PDB file of N, CA and C in Angstrom:
ATOM      1  N   MET A   1      20.129  23.562 169.426  1.00  0.00           N
ATOM      2  CA  MET A   1      20.022  21.935 168.933  1.00  0.00           C
ATOM      3  C   MET A   1      19.029  22.227 167.771  1.00  0.00           C
ATOM      4  N   LYS A   2      18.727  20.970 166.935  1.00  0.00           N
ATOM      5  CA  LYS A   2      18.543  20.806 165.578  1.00  0.00           C
ATOM      6  C   LYS A   2      17.644  19.797 165.826  1.00  0.00           C
ATOM      7  N   ARG A   3      16.246  19.493 165.613  1.00  0.00           N
ATOM      8  CA  ARG A   3      15.556  18.368 165.607  1.00  0.00           C
ATOM      9  C   ARG A   3      15.479  17.854 163.969  1.00  0.00           C
ATOM     10  N   THR A   4      16.297  16.688 163.821  1.00  0.00           N
ATOM     11  CA  THR A   4      16.196  16.150 162.323  1.00  0.00           C
ATOM     12  C   THR A   4      15.643  14.789 162.536  1.00  0.00           C
ATOM     13  N   THR A   5      14.544  14.399 161.772  1.00  0.00           N
ATOM     14  CA  THR A   5      14.042  13.052 161.691  1.00  0.00           C
ATOM     15  C   THR A   5      14.095  12.312 162.957  1.00  0.00           C
ATOM     16  N   GLY A   6      13.430  12.969 164.349  1.00  0.00           N
ATOM     17  CA  GLY A   6      13.501  12.280 165.271  1.00  0.00           C
ATOM     18  C   GLY A   6      14.665  12.208 166.084  1.00  0.00           C
ATOM     19  N   ARG A   7      16.012  12.569 165.611  1.00  0.00           N
ATOM     20  CA  ARG A   7      17.104  12.717 166.416  1.00  0.00           C
ATOM     21  C   ARG A   7      17.505  14.190 166.783  1.00  0.00           C
ATOM     22  N   MET A   8      18.122  14.474 168.049  1.00  0.00           N
ATOM     23  CA  MET A   8      18.380  15.515 168.448  1.00  0.00           C
ATOM     24  C   MET A   8      19.742  16.113 167.676  1.00  0.00           C
ATOM     25  N   ILE A   9      20.410  16.986 167.234  1.00  0.00           N
ATOM     26  CA  ILE A   9      21.647  17.113 166.832  1.00  0.00           C
ATOM     27  C   ILE A   9      22.199  18.608 167.529  1.00  0.00           C
ATOM     28  N   HIS A  10      23.081  18.327 168.305  1.00  0.00           N
ATOM     29  CA  HIS A  10      23.768  19.818 168.786  1.00  0.00           C
ATOM     30  C   HIS A  10      24.836  20.299 167.806  1.00  0.00           C
ATOM     31  N   ARG A  11      24.767  21.341 167.200  1.00  0.00           N
ATOM     32  CA  ARG A  11      25.799  21.837 166.817  1.00  0.00           C
ATOM     33  C   ARG A  11      26.859  23.033 167.733  1.00  0.00           C
ATOM     34  N   GLN A  12      28.103  22.797 167.620  1.00  0.00           N
ATOM     35  CA  GLN A  12      28.503  23.483 168.712  1.00  0.00           C
ATOM     36  C   GLN A  12      29.914  23.976 167.770  1.00  0.00           C
ATOM     37  N   THR A  13      30.315  25.083 167.606  1.00  0.00           N
ATOM     38  CA  THR A  13      31.379  25.590 166.610  1.00  0.00           C
ATOM     39  C   THR A  13      32.766  25.785 167.431  1.00  0.00           C
ATOM     40  N   ALA A  14      33.597  25.798 166.678  1.00  0.00           N
ATOM     41  CA  ALA A  14      34.833  26.226 167.447  1.00  0.00           C
ATOM     42  C   ALA A  14      34.893  27.687 168.037  1.00  0.00           C
ATOM     43  N   CYS A  15      34.262  28.769 167.494  1.00  0.00           N
ATOM     44  CA  CYS A  15      34.168  30.093 167.995  1.00  0.00           C
ATOM     45  C   CYS A  15      33.133  29.923 169.111  1.00  0.00           C
ATOM     46  N   HIS A  16      32.029  29.037 169.324  1.00  0.00           N
ATOM     47  CA  HIS A  16      31.461  28.949 170.357  1.00  0.00           C
ATOM     48  C   HIS A  16      32.456  28.250 171.739  1.00  0.00           C
ATOM     49  N   LYS A  17      33.036  27.212 171.497  1.00  0.00           N
ATOM     50  CA  LYS A  17      33.727  26.855 172.216  1.00  0.00           C
ATOM     51  C   LYS A  17      34.913  27.512 172.782  1.00  0.00           C
ATOM     52  N   LEU A  18      35.354  28.369 172.030  1.00  0.00           N
ATOM     53  CA  LEU A  18      36.478  29.596 172.475  1.00  0.00           C
ATOM     54  C   LEU A  18      35.947  30.391 173.336  1.00  0.00           C
ATOM     55  N   LYS A  19      34.581  31.039 172.893  1.00  0.00           N
ATOM     56  CA  LYS A  19      33.830  31.969 173.745  1.00  0.00           C
ATOM     57  C   LYS A  19      33.546  31.299 175.141  1.00  0.00           C
ATOM     58  N   ARG A  20      33.165  30.099 175.587  1.00  0.00           N
ATOM     59  CA  ARG A  20      32.872  29.398 176.548  1.00  0.00           C
ATOM     60  C   ARG A  20      34.014  29.213 177.443  1.00  0.00           C
ATOM     61  N   LYS A  21      35.339  29.197 176.561  1.00  0.00           N
ATOM     62  CA  LYS A  21      36.092  28.756 177.573  1.00  0.00           C
ATOM     63  C   LYS A  21      36.963  30.335 178.049  1.00  0.00           C
ATOM     64  N   GLY A  22      36.460  31.515 177.377  1.00  0.00           N
ATOM     65  CA  GLY A  22      36.947  32.864 178.196  1.00  0.00           C
ATOM     66  C   GLY A  22      38.039  33.073 177.166  1.00  0.00           C
ATOM     67  N   GLU A  23      38.229  32.520 176.122  1.00  0.00           N
ATOM     68  CA  GLU A  23      39.471  32.931 175.182  1.00  0.00           C
ATOM     69  C   GLU A  23      38.953  33.609 174.043  1.00  0.00           C
ATOM     70  N   HIS A  24      39.966  34.541 173.907  1.00  0.00           N
ATOM     71  CA  HIS A  24      39.574  35.564 172.377  1.00  0.00           C
ATOM     72  C   HIS A  24      40.602  35.577 171.616  1.00  0.00           C
ATOM     73  N   THR A  25      40.742  34.984 170.531  1.00  0.00           N
ATOM     74  CA  THR A  25      41.604  34.658 169.581  1.00  0.00           C
ATOM     75  C   THR A  25      40.933  35.191 168.074  1.00  0.00           C
ATOM     76  N   MET A  26      41.944  35.355 167.445  1.00  0.00           N
ATOM     77  CA  MET A  26      41.495  36.062 166.050  1.00  0.00           C
ATOM     78  C   MET A  26      42.221  35.137 164.963  1.00  0.00           C
ATOM     79  N   LYS A  27      41.211  34.666 163.907  1.00  0.00           N
ATOM     80  CA  LYS A  27      41.716  34.074 162.788  1.00  0.00           C
ATOM     81  C   LYS A  27      41.549  34.759 161.169  1.00  0.00           C
ATOM     82  N   LYS A  28      42.482  34.679 160.740  1.00  0.00           N
ATOM     83  CA  LYS A  28      42.536  35.298 159.382  1.00  0.00           C
ATOM     84  C   LYS A  28      43.364  34.182 158.089  1.00  0.00           C
ATOM     85  N   THR A  29      42.851  34.509 156.856  1.00  0.00           N
ATOM     86  CA  THR A  29      43.180  33.499 156.024  1.00  0.00           C
ATOM     87  C   THR A  29      44.015  34.622 155.074  1.00  0.00           C
ATOM     88  N   TYR A  30      45.175  33.852 154.383  1.00  0.00           N
ATOM     89  CA  TYR A  30      46.016  34.675 153.833  1.00  0.00           C
ATOM     90  C   TYR A  30      46.383  33.936 152.179  1.00  0.00           C
ATOM     91  N   LYS A  31      46.541  34.912 151.413  1.00  0.00           N
ATOM     92  CA  LYS A  31      46.650  33.819 149.963  1.00  0.00           C
ATOM     93  C   LYS A  31      48.096  33.503 149.793  1.00  0.00           C
ATOM     94  N   ILE A  32      48.398  32.209 149.738  1.00  0.00           N
ATOM     95  CA  ILE A  32      50.028  31.880 149.580  1.00  0.00           C
ATOM     96  C   ILE A  32      50.093  31.355 148.182  1.00  0.00           C
ATOM     97  N   GLU A  33      51.540  31.299 148.054  1.00  0.00           N
ATOM     98  CA  GLU A  33      52.054  30.532 146.514  1.00  0.00           C
ATOM     99  C   GLU A  33      53.213  29.525 147.089  1.00  0.00           C
ATOM    100  N   VAL A  34      52.994  28.523 146.703  1.00  0.00           N
ATOM    101  CA  VAL A  34      53.745  27.213 146.697  1.00  0.00           C
ATOM    102  C   VAL A  34      53.244  26.417 145.809  1.00  0.00           C
ATOM    103  N   ASP A  35      54.421  25.131 145.603  1.00  0.00           N
ATOM    104  CA  ASP A  35      54.542  24.327 144.412  1.00  0.00           C
ATOM    105  C   ASP A  35      53.630  23.074 144.206  1.00  0.00           C
ATOM    106  N   CYS A  36      53.681  22.509 145.565  1.00  0.00           N
ATOM    107  CA  CYS A  36      53.278  21.282 145.701  1.00  0.00           C
ATOM    108  C   CYS A  36      52.516  20.835 147.215  1.00  0.00           C
ATOM    109  N   ALA A  37      51.841  19.867 147.118  1.00  0.00           N
ATOM    110  CA  ALA A  37      51.182  19.662 148.312  1.00  0.00           C
ATOM    111  C   ALA A  37      52.245  19.433 149.350  1.00  0.00           C
ATOM    112  N   ASN A  38      53.336  18.502 149.390  1.00  0.00           N
ATOM    113  CA  ASN A  38      54.104  18.213 150.231  1.00  0.00           C
ATOM    114  C   ASN A  38      54.475  19.553 150.942  1.00  0.00           C
ATOM    115  N   CYS A  39      55.087  20.630 150.114  1.00  0.00           N
ATOM    116  CA  CYS A  39      55.369  21.866 150.409  1.00  0.00           C
ATOM    117  C   CYS A  39      54.369  22.493 151.464  1.00  0.00           C
ATOM    118  N   ALA A  40      53.156  22.351 150.890  1.00  0.00           N
ATOM    119  CA  ALA A  40      52.284  23.074 151.774  1.00  0.00           C
ATOM    120  C   ALA A  40      51.986  22.495 153.288  1.00  0.00           C
ATOM    121  N   ASN A  41      52.402  21.085 153.376  1.00  0.00           N
ATOM    122  CA  ASN A  41      52.330  20.439 154.409  1.00  0.00           C
ATOM    123  C   ASN A  41      53.330  21.101 155.321  1.00  0.00           C
ATOM    124  N   LYS A  42      54.726  20.981 154.703  1.00  0.00           N
ATOM    125  CA  LYS A  42      55.444  21.525 155.613  1.00  0.00           C
ATOM    126  C   LYS A  42      55.343  23.025 156.058  1.00  0.00           C
ATOM    127  N   MET A  43      55.088  23.953 155.331  1.00  0.00           N
ATOM    128  CA  MET A  43      54.386  25.122 155.583  1.00  0.00           C
ATOM    129  C   MET A  43      53.539  25.098 156.893  1.00  0.00           C
ATOM    130  N   GLU A  44      52.315  24.359 156.646  1.00  0.00           N
ATOM    131  CA  GLU A  44      51.568  24.312 157.772  1.00  0.00           C
ATOM    132  C   GLU A  44      52.254  23.963 159.110  1.00  0.00           C
ATOM    133  N   GLU A  45      53.137  22.805 159.245  1.00  0.00           N
ATOM    134  CA  GLU A  45      53.834  22.720 160.478  1.00  0.00           C
ATOM    135  C   GLU A  45      54.342  23.470 160.965  1.00  0.00           C
ATOM    136  N   ALA A  46      55.367  24.211 159.528  1.00  0.00           N
ATOM    137  CA  ALA A  46      56.089  25.526 160.381  1.00  0.00           C
ATOM    138  C   ALA A  46      55.551  26.443 161.199  1.00  0.00           C
ATOM    139  N   ALA A  47      54.276  26.616 160.462  1.00  0.00           N
ATOM    140  CA  ALA A  47      53.284  27.675 160.900  1.00  0.00           C
ATOM    141  C   ALA A  47      52.706  27.463 162.330  1.00  0.00           C
ATOM    142  N   LYS A  48      52.304  26.321 162.359  1.00  0.00           N
ATOM    143  CA  LYS A  48      51.588  25.991 163.869  1.00  0.00           C
ATOM    144  C   LYS A  48      52.656  25.940 164.495  1.00  0.00           C
ATOM    145  N   ASN A  49      54.160  25.685 164.591  1.00  0.00           N
ATOM    146  CA  ASN A  49      55.172  25.945 165.494  1.00  0.00           C
ATOM    147  C   ASN A  49      55.961  27.240 165.734  1.00  0.00           C
ATOM    148  N   THR A  50      55.260  28.317 165.157  1.00  0.00           N
ATOM    149  CA  THR A  50      55.664  29.451 165.583  1.00  0.00           C
ATOM    150  C   THR A  50      54.876  30.152 166.761  1.00  0.00           C
ATOM    151  N   ALA A  51      55.733  31.036 167.154  1.00  0.00           N
ATOM    152  CA  ALA A  51      55.157  31.604 168.414  1.00  0.00           C
ATOM    153  C   ALA A  51      54.215  32.616 168.009  1.00  0.00           C
ATOM    154  N   GLY A  52      52.574  32.644 169.010  1.00  0.00           N
ATOM    155  CA  GLY A  52      52.122  33.608 168.392  1.00  0.00           C
ATOM    156  C   GLY A  52      50.932  32.938 167.911  1.00  0.00           C
ATOM    157  N   VAL A  53      51.018  31.620 167.246  1.00  0.00           N
ATOM    158  CA  VAL A  53      49.783  30.914 166.631  1.00  0.00           C
ATOM    159  C   VAL A  53      49.657  29.745 167.284  1.00  0.00           C
ATOM    160  N   ALA A  54      47.825  29.819 167.490  1.00  0.00           N
ATOM    161  CA  ALA A  54      47.270  29.078 168.175  1.00  0.00           C
ATOM    162  C   ALA A  54      47.127  27.526 167.476  1.00  0.00           C
ATOM    163  N   ASP A  55      46.789  28.152 166.320  1.00  0.00           N
ATOM    164  CA  ASP A  55      46.424  27.078 165.266  1.00  0.00           C
ATOM    165  C   ASP A  55      46.644  27.602 163.635  1.00  0.00           C
ATOM    166  N   ALA A  56      46.926  26.631 162.752  1.00  0.00           N
ATOM    167  CA  ALA A  56      47.045  26.790 161.238  1.00  0.00           C
ATOM    168  C   ALA A  56      46.721  25.794 160.280  1.00  0.00           C
ATOM    169  N   SER A  57      46.174  26.214 159.492  1.00  0.00           N
ATOM    170  CA  SER A  57      46.068  25.022 158.293  1.00  0.00           C
ATOM    171  C   SER A  57      46.192  25.744 157.010  1.00  0.00           C
ATOM    172  N   VAL A  58      46.893  24.807 156.191  1.00  0.00           N
ATOM    173  CA  VAL A  58      47.191  25.429 154.581  1.00  0.00           C
ATOM    174  C   VAL A  58      46.234  24.194 153.791  1.00  0.00           C
ATOM    175  N   ASN A  59      45.467  25.049 152.852  1.00  0.00           N
ATOM    176  CA  ASN A  59      44.903  24.204 151.961  1.00  0.00           C
ATOM    177  C   ASN A  59      45.647  24.410 150.312  1.00  0.00           C
ATOM    178  N   PHE A  60      46.396  23.399 149.798  1.00  0.00           N
ATOM    179  CA  PHE A  60      47.028  23.560 148.682  1.00  0.00           C
ATOM    180  C   PHE A  60      46.037  23.607 147.523  1.00  0.00           C
ATOM    181  N   MET A  61      44.989  23.030 147.646  1.00  0.00           N
ATOM    182  CA  MET A  61      44.105  23.398 146.284  1.00  0.00           C
ATOM    183  C   MET A  61      43.484  24.745 146.310  1.00  0.00           C
ATOM    184  N   THR A  62      43.262  25.700 147.321  1.00  0.00           N
ATOM    185  CA  THR A  62      42.889  26.738 147.110  1.00  0.00           C
ATOM    186  C   THR A  62      44.023  27.779 147.409  1.00  0.00           C
ATOM    187  N   LEU A  63      45.247  27.352 147.744  1.00  0.00           N
ATOM    188  CA  LEU A  63      46.220  28.168 147.979  1.00  0.00           C
ATOM    189  C   LEU A  63      45.967  29.142 148.982  1.00  0.00           C
ATOM    190  N   LYS A  64      45.673  28.728 150.050  1.00  0.00           N
ATOM    191  CA  LYS A  64      45.167  29.598 150.994  1.00  0.00           C
ATOM    192  C   LYS A  64      45.556  28.913 152.544  1.00  0.00           C
ATOM    193  N   MET A  65      46.297  30.076 153.390  1.00  0.00           N
ATOM    194  CA  MET A  65      46.482  29.589 154.920  1.00  0.00           C
ATOM    195  C   MET A  65      45.494  30.356 155.780  1.00  0.00           C
ATOM    196  N   SER A  66      45.187  29.382 156.611  1.00  0.00           N
ATOM    197  CA  SER A  66      44.263  29.958 157.916  1.00  0.00           C
ATOM    198  C   SER A  66      44.887  30.256 158.909  1.00  0.00           C
ATOM    199  N   VAL A  67      45.195  31.114 159.814  1.00  0.00           N
ATOM    200  CA  VAL A  67      45.875  31.318 161.004  1.00  0.00           C
ATOM    201  C   VAL A  67      45.160  31.937 162.145  1.00  0.00           C
ATOM    202  N   GLU A  68      45.111  30.923 163.123  1.00  0.00           N
ATOM    203  CA  GLU A  68      44.384  31.448 164.527  1.00  0.00           C
ATOM    204  C   GLU A  68      45.484  31.903 165.278  1.00  0.00           C
ATOM    205  N   PHE A  69      45.233  32.977 165.604  1.00  0.00           N
ATOM    206  CA  PHE A  69      46.496  33.603 166.633  1.00  0.00           C
ATOM    207  C   PHE A  69      46.164  33.593 167.978  1.00  0.00           C
ATOM    208  N   ALA A  70      47.366  33.316 168.763  1.00  0.00           N
ATOM    209  CA  ALA A  70      47.354  33.171 170.128  1.00  0.00           C
ATOM    210  C   ALA A  70      46.531  34.564 170.747  1.00  0.00           C
ATOM    211  N   GLU A  71      46.260  34.397 172.069  1.00  0.00           N
ATOM    212  CA  GLU A  71      45.389  35.627 172.520  1.00  0.00           C
ATOM    213  C   GLU A  71      46.490  36.717 172.940  1.00  0.00           C
ATOM    214  N   GLY A  72      46.272  37.968 172.397  1.00  0.00           N
ATOM    215  CA  GLY A  72      47.364  39.025 172.614  1.00  0.00           C
ATOM    216  C   GLY A  72      48.401  39.055 171.649  1.00  0.00           C
ATOM    217  N   ALA A  73      48.343  38.124 170.668  1.00  0.00           N
ATOM    218  CA  ALA A  73      49.254  38.198 169.449  1.00  0.00           C
ATOM    219  C   ALA A  73      49.315  39.251 168.447  1.00  0.00           C
ATOM    220  N   GLU A  74      49.996  40.049 167.948  1.00  0.00           N
ATOM    221  CA  GLU A  74      49.944  40.814 167.012  1.00  0.00           C
ATOM    222  C   GLU A  74      49.957  40.199 165.673  1.00  0.00           C
ATOM    223  N   PRO A  75      48.881  40.076 164.873  1.00  0.00           N
ATOM    224  CA  PRO A  75      48.769  39.483 163.497  1.00  0.00           C
ATOM    225  C   PRO A  75      50.190  39.792 162.540  1.00  0.00           C
ATOM    226  N   LYS A  76      50.408  40.817 162.163  1.00  0.00           N
ATOM    227  CA  LYS A  76      51.224  41.317 161.293  1.00  0.00           C
ATOM    228  C   LYS A  76      52.821  40.624 161.769  1.00  0.00           C
ATOM    229  N   ALA A  77      53.040  40.911 162.865  1.00  0.00           N
ATOM    230  CA  ALA A  77      54.352  40.404 163.418  1.00  0.00           C
ATOM    231  C   ALA A  77      54.625  38.758 163.231  1.00  0.00           C
ATOM    232  N   VAL A  78      53.525  38.487 163.849  1.00  0.00           N
ATOM    233  CA  VAL A  78      53.604  36.795 164.068  1.00  0.00           C
ATOM    234  C   VAL A  78      53.729  36.460 162.435  1.00  0.00           C
ATOM    235  N   MET A  79      52.860  37.085 161.639  1.00  0.00           N
ATOM    236  CA  MET A  79      52.877  36.233 160.133  1.00  0.00           C
ATOM    237  C   MET A  79      54.526  36.751 159.315  1.00  0.00           C
ATOM    238  N   GLU A  80      55.241  37.659 159.943  1.00  0.00           N
ATOM    239  CA  GLU A  80      56.349  37.826 159.397  1.00  0.00           C
ATOM    240  C   GLU A  80      57.518  36.989 160.106  1.00  0.00           C
ATOM    241  N   ASP A  81      57.100  36.155 161.292  1.00  0.00           N
ATOM    242  CA  ASP A  81      57.732  34.964 161.777  1.00  0.00           C
ATOM    243  C   ASP A  81      57.288  33.764 160.839  1.00  0.00           C
ATOM    244  N   VAL A  82      56.021  33.652 160.716  1.00  0.00           N
ATOM    245  CA  VAL A  82      55.298  32.495 160.228  1.00  0.00           C
ATOM    246  C   VAL A  82      56.118  32.263 158.796  1.00  0.00           C
ATOM    247  N   LEU A  83      56.085  33.403 157.858  1.00  0.00           N
ATOM    248  CA  LEU A  83      56.927  33.481 156.728  1.00  0.00           C
ATOM    249  C   LEU A  83      58.420  33.078 156.654  1.00  0.00           C
ATOM    250  N   LYS A  84      58.984  33.357 157.838  1.00  0.00           N
ATOM    251  CA  LYS A  84      60.598  33.468 157.932  1.00  0.00           C
ATOM    252  C   LYS A  84      60.507  31.736 158.146  1.00  0.00           C
ATOM    253  N   ALA A  85      59.678  31.155 159.006  1.00  0.00           N
ATOM    254  CA  ALA A  85      59.608  29.511 159.322  1.00  0.00           C
ATOM    255  C   ALA A  85      59.193  28.685 157.929  1.00  0.00           C
ATOM    256  N   CYS A  86      58.296  29.545 157.415  1.00  0.00           N
ATOM    257  CA  CYS A  86      57.992  28.676 156.326  1.00  0.00           C
ATOM    258  C   CYS A  86      59.308  28.460 155.166  1.00  0.00           C
ATOM    259  N   ARG A  87      59.781  29.604 155.085  1.00  0.00           N
ATOM    260  CA  ARG A  87      60.850  29.829 154.173  1.00  0.00           C
ATOM    261  C   ARG A  87      61.968  28.701 154.252  1.00  0.00           C
ATOM    262  N   LYS A  88      62.211  28.684 155.711  1.00  0.00           N
ATOM    263  CA  LYS A  88      63.228  27.618 156.273  1.00  0.00           C
ATOM    264  C   LYS A  88      63.115  26.107 155.595  1.00  0.00           C
ATOM    265  N   VAL A  89      61.815  26.079 155.567  1.00  0.00           N
ATOM    266  CA  VAL A  89      61.440  24.614 155.054  1.00  0.00           C
ATOM    267  C   VAL A  89      61.162  24.813 153.575  1.00  0.00           C
ATOM    268  N   GLU A  90      60.901  25.600 153.264  1.00  0.00           N
ATOM    269  CA  GLU A  90      60.306  26.027 151.595  1.00  0.00           C
ATOM    270  C   GLU A  90      60.751  27.165 151.137  1.00  0.00           C
ATOM    271  N   PRO A  91      61.870  27.447 150.524  1.00  0.00           N
ATOM    272  CA  PRO A  91      62.679  28.796 150.213  1.00  0.00           C
ATOM    273  C   PRO A  91      61.688  29.263 149.316  1.00  0.00           C
ATOM    274  N   ASP A  92      61.055  28.664 148.123  1.00  0.00           N
ATOM    275  CA  ASP A  92      60.243  29.334 147.133  1.00  0.00           C
ATOM    276  C   ASP A  92      58.727  30.086 147.749  1.00  0.00           C
ATOM    277  N   CYS A  93      58.643  29.481 148.753  1.00  0.00           N
ATOM    278  CA  CYS A  93      56.813  29.825 149.370  1.00  0.00           C
ATOM    279  C   CYS A  93      56.757  31.309 149.443  1.00  0.00           C
ATOM    280  N   GLU A  94      55.463  31.596 149.319  1.00  0.00           N
ATOM    281  CA  GLU A  94      55.118  33.070 149.584  1.00  0.00           C
ATOM    282  C   GLU A  94      53.881  33.535 150.405  1.00  0.00           C
ATOM    283  N   ILE A  95      53.505  34.303 151.220  1.00  0.00           N
ATOM    284  CA  ILE A  95      52.389  34.455 151.902  1.00  0.00           C
ATOM    285  C   ILE A  95      51.957  35.845 151.879  1.00  0.00           C
ATOM    286  N   PHE A  96      51.014  36.303 151.297  1.00  0.00           N
ATOM    287  CA  PHE A  96      50.460  37.432 150.757  1.00  0.00           C
ATOM    288  C   PHE A  96      49.893  38.050 152.266  1.00  0.00           C
ATOM    289  N   PHE A  97      50.465  39.182 152.900  1.00  0.00           N
ATOM    290  CA  PHE A  97      49.609  39.825 153.912  1.00  0.00           C
ATOM    291  C   PHE A  97      49.838  41.146 153.916  1.00  0.00           C
TER     292      PHE A  97
END
């Protein structure tokens, strides 16, 4: 907890929540190549719907994809499936892993 101008603020990170629930996940960030923001949104949805992915986000401005893997998932194998899923919705995309 942090005291700021008479108010108590409790900071709780996602990592803290995961540890409290007893889950162990891994999160990695990858460089991507995509042409437009709409395509980046399609890639994000495709990644989120891939087996082995607990959560995913794509930032078009930085051209990066963050992927949180499900417990026990092998990141390289999952990322190959993510790339296949992304190429179904955006054939010109690339993920560098």
